[in-house]
Amino acid sequence: MTRPKPNAEAINLTKQDLLRILTEDDSLRKLMQTLLQEALEAEMERTALPVLGHA
C-alpha cells in the first residue's frame, strides 16, 4: 500500500457506500470477517486470560 501524494484527490464515501463495497465483493467480505475475528479473539485473550489466572 502506498501513501497518498499531497496532491491526491480525496475520495469521499458514505458509511453505506463503504459497507456495500466491502460486503458485495466476496474476497473483501471474507477478508473483513477474518480480520474482525482475529481482532475479537485477540481482545478476548487479552482481557479474559488475566481474569482467569492464565497470564
C-alpha atoms as a PDB file:
ATOM      1  CA  MET A   1       0.000   0.000   0.000  1.00  0.00           C
ATOM      2  CA  THR A   2       1.345   3.407  -0.887  1.00  0.00           C
ATOM      3  CA  ARG A   3       0.835   6.675   0.912  1.00  0.00           C
ATOM      4  CA  PRO A   4      -1.346   9.199  -0.852  1.00  0.00           C
ATOM      5  CA  LYS A   5       0.523  12.010  -2.511  1.00  0.00           C
ATOM      6  CA  PRO A   6      -0.147  15.509  -1.153  1.00  0.00           C
ATOM      7  CA  ASN A   7      -1.952  16.458  -4.359  1.00  0.00           C
ATOM      8  CA  ALA A   8      -4.024  13.260  -4.476  1.00  0.00           C
ATOM      9  CA  GLU A   9      -7.741  13.801  -4.826  1.00  0.00           C
ATOM     10  CA  ALA A  10      -9.739  12.766  -1.768  1.00  0.00           C
ATOM     11  CA  ILE A  11     -12.389  10.110  -2.190  1.00  0.00           C
ATOM     12  CA  ASN A  12     -15.482  10.677  -0.114  1.00  0.00           C
ATOM     13  CA  LEU A  13     -17.578   7.614   0.714  1.00  0.00           C
ATOM     14  CA  THR A  14     -20.543   7.326   2.995  1.00  0.00           C
ATOM     15  CA  LYS A  15     -20.604   4.550   5.568  1.00  0.00           C
ATOM     16  CA  GLN A  16     -23.292   2.869   3.494  1.00  0.00           C
ATOM     17  CA  ASP A  17     -21.125   3.019   0.353  1.00  0.00           C
ATOM     18  CA  LEU A  18     -18.151   1.517   2.173  1.00  0.00           C
ATOM     19  CA  LEU A  19     -20.291  -1.214   3.725  1.00  0.00           C
ATOM     20  CA  ARG A  20     -21.779  -2.055   0.324  1.00  0.00           C
ATOM     21  CA  ILE A  21     -18.323  -2.244  -1.275  1.00  0.00           C
ATOM     22  CA  LEU A  22     -16.971  -4.477   1.487  1.00  0.00           C
ATOM     23  CA  THR A  23     -19.952  -6.839   1.530  1.00  0.00           C
ATOM     24  CA  GLU A  24     -20.633  -7.171  -2.195  1.00  0.00           C
ATOM     25  CA  ASP A  25     -17.143  -8.419  -3.045  1.00  0.00           C
ATOM     26  CA  ASP A  26     -16.756 -11.959  -1.680  1.00  0.00           C
ATOM     27  CA  SER A  27     -12.995 -11.739  -1.260  1.00  0.00           C
ATOM     28  CA  LEU A  28     -13.202  -8.430   0.619  1.00  0.00           C
ATOM     29  CA  ARG A  29     -16.085  -9.737   2.738  1.00  0.00           C
ATOM     30  CA  LYS A  30     -14.088 -12.837   3.704  1.00  0.00           C
ATOM     31  CA  LEU A  31     -11.020 -10.718   4.455  1.00  0.00           C
ATOM     32  CA  MET A  32     -13.049  -8.410   6.692  1.00  0.00           C
ATOM     33  CA  GLN A  33     -14.593 -11.394   8.507  1.00  0.00           C
ATOM     34  CA  THR A  34     -11.152 -12.880   9.134  1.00  0.00           C
ATOM     35  CA  LEU A  35      -9.699  -9.571  10.337  1.00  0.00           C
ATOM     36  CA  LEU A  36     -12.607  -8.935  12.682  1.00  0.00           C
ATOM     37  CA  GLN A  37     -12.499 -12.480  14.041  1.00  0.00           C
ATOM     38  CA  GLU A  38      -8.758 -12.227  14.727  1.00  0.00           C
ATOM     39  CA  ALA A  39      -9.195  -8.851  16.432  1.00  0.00           C
ATOM     40  CA  LEU A  40     -12.042 -10.134  18.605  1.00  0.00           C
ATOM     41  CA  GLU A  41     -10.123 -13.259  19.616  1.00  0.00           C
ATOM     42  CA  ALA A  42      -7.040 -11.215  20.490  1.00  0.00           C
ATOM     43  CA  GLU A  43      -9.107  -8.825  22.585  1.00  0.00           C
ATOM     44  CA  MET A  44     -10.827 -11.712  24.381  1.00  0.00           C
ATOM     45  CA  GLU A  45      -7.488 -13.335  25.147  1.00  0.00           C
ATOM     46  CA  ARG A  46      -6.039 -10.047  26.350  1.00  0.00           C
ATOM     47  CA  THR A  47      -8.910  -9.396  28.753  1.00  0.00           C
ATOM     48  CA  ALA A  48     -10.068 -12.887  29.745  1.00  0.00           C
ATOM     49  CA  LEU A  49      -6.815 -14.724  30.414  1.00  0.00           C
ATOM     50  CA  PRO A  50      -5.604 -12.432  33.220  1.00  0.00           C
ATOM     51  CA  VAL A  51      -9.018 -12.710  34.894  1.00  0.00           C
ATOM     52  CA  LEU A  52      -8.899 -16.498  34.659  1.00  0.00           C
ATOM     53  CA  GLY A  53      -5.384 -16.570  36.085  1.00  0.00           C
ATOM     54  CA  HIS A  54      -3.670 -17.854  32.943  1.00  0.00           C
ATOM     55  CA  ALA A  55      -1.423 -14.879  32.369  1.00  0.00           C
END
